[in-house]
C-alpha cells in the first residue's frame, strides 16, 4: 500500500513538472504551428514567460483547432502582437527564429 502511494505521488510530481511545457506545446500545435517548431518553442517559452503570460498566449482563440503546420510562423507572430505584451512578442519571435534554424 505504501509503495502504491509513493508511486502515485512520484507520478503526480513528474506530471506537474511536465505540464506547463506540454500544455504550451499542445497549444502551439493547436494554433497550427508544426510539431517540431511547437516542441522547440514550448521548451524555451516556459523558461522565459510567466504563467500569466503563457495563459494570455493560450487565449489566442482565433488560431485554435488548426492542423499542425497550417499556420506560418509570421501569421502566428502577427496574432501574438494583438496581445499587446512586448515580452510575449519578443520571446515568441526569438524562440521561433532559433527553433527554425535548428
Protein backbone atom coordinates (compact mmCIF):
# COMPACT_ATOMS: atom_id res chain seq x y z
CA UNK A 1 0.00 0.00 0.00
CA UNK A 2 2.81 2.40 0.85
CA UNK A 3 4.52 1.60 -2.47
CA UNK A 4 1.34 2.47 -4.36
CA UNK A 5 1.01 5.80 -2.53
CA UNK A 6 4.68 6.63 -3.16
CA UNK A 7 4.32 5.63 -6.81
CA UNK A 8 1.24 7.79 -7.31
CA UNK A 9 2.92 10.70 -5.52
CA UNK A 10 6.03 10.38 -7.70
CA UNK A 11 3.96 10.23 -10.89
CA UNK A 12 1.93 13.24 -9.81
CA UNK A 13 5.10 15.22 -9.13
CA UNK A 14 6.54 14.23 -12.50
CA UNK A 15 3.32 15.17 -14.31
CA UNK A 16 3.23 18.53 -12.56
CA UNK A 17 6.75 19.30 -13.80
CA UNK A 18 5.95 18.42 -17.40
CA UNK A 19 2.52 20.03 -17.57
CA UNK A 20 3.39 23.66 -18.50
CA UNK A 21 5.67 22.69 -21.39
CA UNK A 22 3.24 20.04 -22.61
CA UNK A 23 0.32 22.46 -22.45
CA UNK A 24 2.25 25.15 -24.32
CA UNK A 25 3.44 22.66 -26.96
CA UNK A 26 -0.09 21.35 -27.48
CA UNK A 27 -1.44 24.90 -27.63
CA UNK A 28 1.09 25.88 -30.29
CA UNK A 29 0.26 22.79 -32.34
CA UNK A 30 -3.43 23.54 -31.90
CA UNK A 31 -2.70 27.04 -33.17
CA UNK A 32 -1.33 25.47 -36.35
CA UNK A 33 2.44 25.55 -35.85
CA UNK A 34 4.38 22.45 -36.87
CA UNK A 35 5.14 19.76 -34.29
CA UNK A 36 8.95 20.28 -34.22
CA UNK A 37 8.66 24.08 -34.00
CA UNK A 38 5.98 23.81 -31.30
CA UNK A 39 8.09 21.47 -29.19
CA UNK A 40 11.20 23.62 -29.50
CA UNK A 41 9.37 26.89 -28.82
CA UNK A 42 7.48 25.48 -25.83
CA UNK A 43 10.74 24.43 -24.22
CA UNK A 44 12.10 27.97 -24.48
CA UNK A 45 8.86 29.80 -23.69
CA UNK A 46 8.12 28.10 -20.36
CA UNK A 47 11.53 29.25 -19.11
CA UNK A 48 11.07 32.86 -20.24
CA UNK A 49 7.39 33.72 -19.69
CA UNK A 50 5.29 33.82 -16.54
CA UNK A 51 2.25 31.60 -16.15
CA UNK A 52 0.05 34.67 -16.63
CA UNK A 53 1.79 35.42 -19.93
CA UNK A 54 1.51 31.79 -21.03
CA UNK A 55 -2.21 31.86 -20.24
CA UNK A 56 -2.55 35.10 -22.19
CA UNK A 57 -0.82 33.47 -25.14
CA UNK A 58 -3.12 30.48 -24.82
CA UNK A 59 -6.04 32.86 -25.27
CA UNK A 60 -5.33 33.36 -28.95
CA UNK A 61 -8.64 31.73 -29.75
CA UNK A 62 -8.63 32.65 -33.44
CA UNK A 63 -5.82 30.19 -34.04
CA UNK A 64 -7.42 27.27 -32.20
CA UNK A 65 -8.14 23.96 -33.86
CA UNK A 66 -5.77 24.28 -36.77
CA UNK A 67 -3.84 21.31 -38.09
CA UNK A 68 -0.13 21.38 -37.14
CA UNK A 69 1.74 23.09 -39.95
CA UNK A 70 -1.28 25.04 -41.29
CA UNK A 71 -0.21 28.40 -39.84
CA UNK A 72 3.00 30.15 -40.81
CA UNK A 73 5.27 31.47 -38.12
CA UNK A 74 4.76 35.01 -39.47
CA UNK A 75 1.00 34.68 -39.07
CA UNK A 76 1.44 33.40 -35.52
CA UNK A 77 3.68 36.37 -34.62
CA UNK A 78 1.13 38.74 -36.17
CA UNK A 79 -1.61 37.26 -33.97
CA UNK A 80 0.69 37.35 -30.95
CA UNK A 81 1.17 41.10 -31.39
CA UNK A 82 -2.56 41.54 -30.75
CA UNK A 83 -1.89 40.61 -27.10
CA UNK A 84 0.00 43.90 -26.72
CA UNK A 85 2.68 42.40 -24.50
CA UNK A 86 6.17 43.21 -25.72
CA UNK A 87 7.81 40.42 -23.72
CA UNK A 88 5.49 37.77 -25.18
CA UNK A 89 6.14 39.02 -28.71
CA UNK A 90 9.89 39.10 -28.07
CA UNK A 91 10.00 35.58 -26.64
CA UNK A 92 7.75 34.15 -29.37
CA UNK A 93 9.80 35.83 -32.10
CA UNK A 94 13.22 34.87 -30.73
CA UNK A 95 12.08 31.32 -29.95
CA UNK A 96 10.65 30.88 -33.42
CA UNK A 97 13.77 32.15 -35.13
CA UNK A 98 16.08 29.99 -33.01
CA UNK A 99 13.87 26.91 -33.44
CA UNK A 100 13.57 27.41 -37.19
CA UNK A 101 17.33 27.16 -37.69
CA UNK A 102 17.77 24.03 -35.55
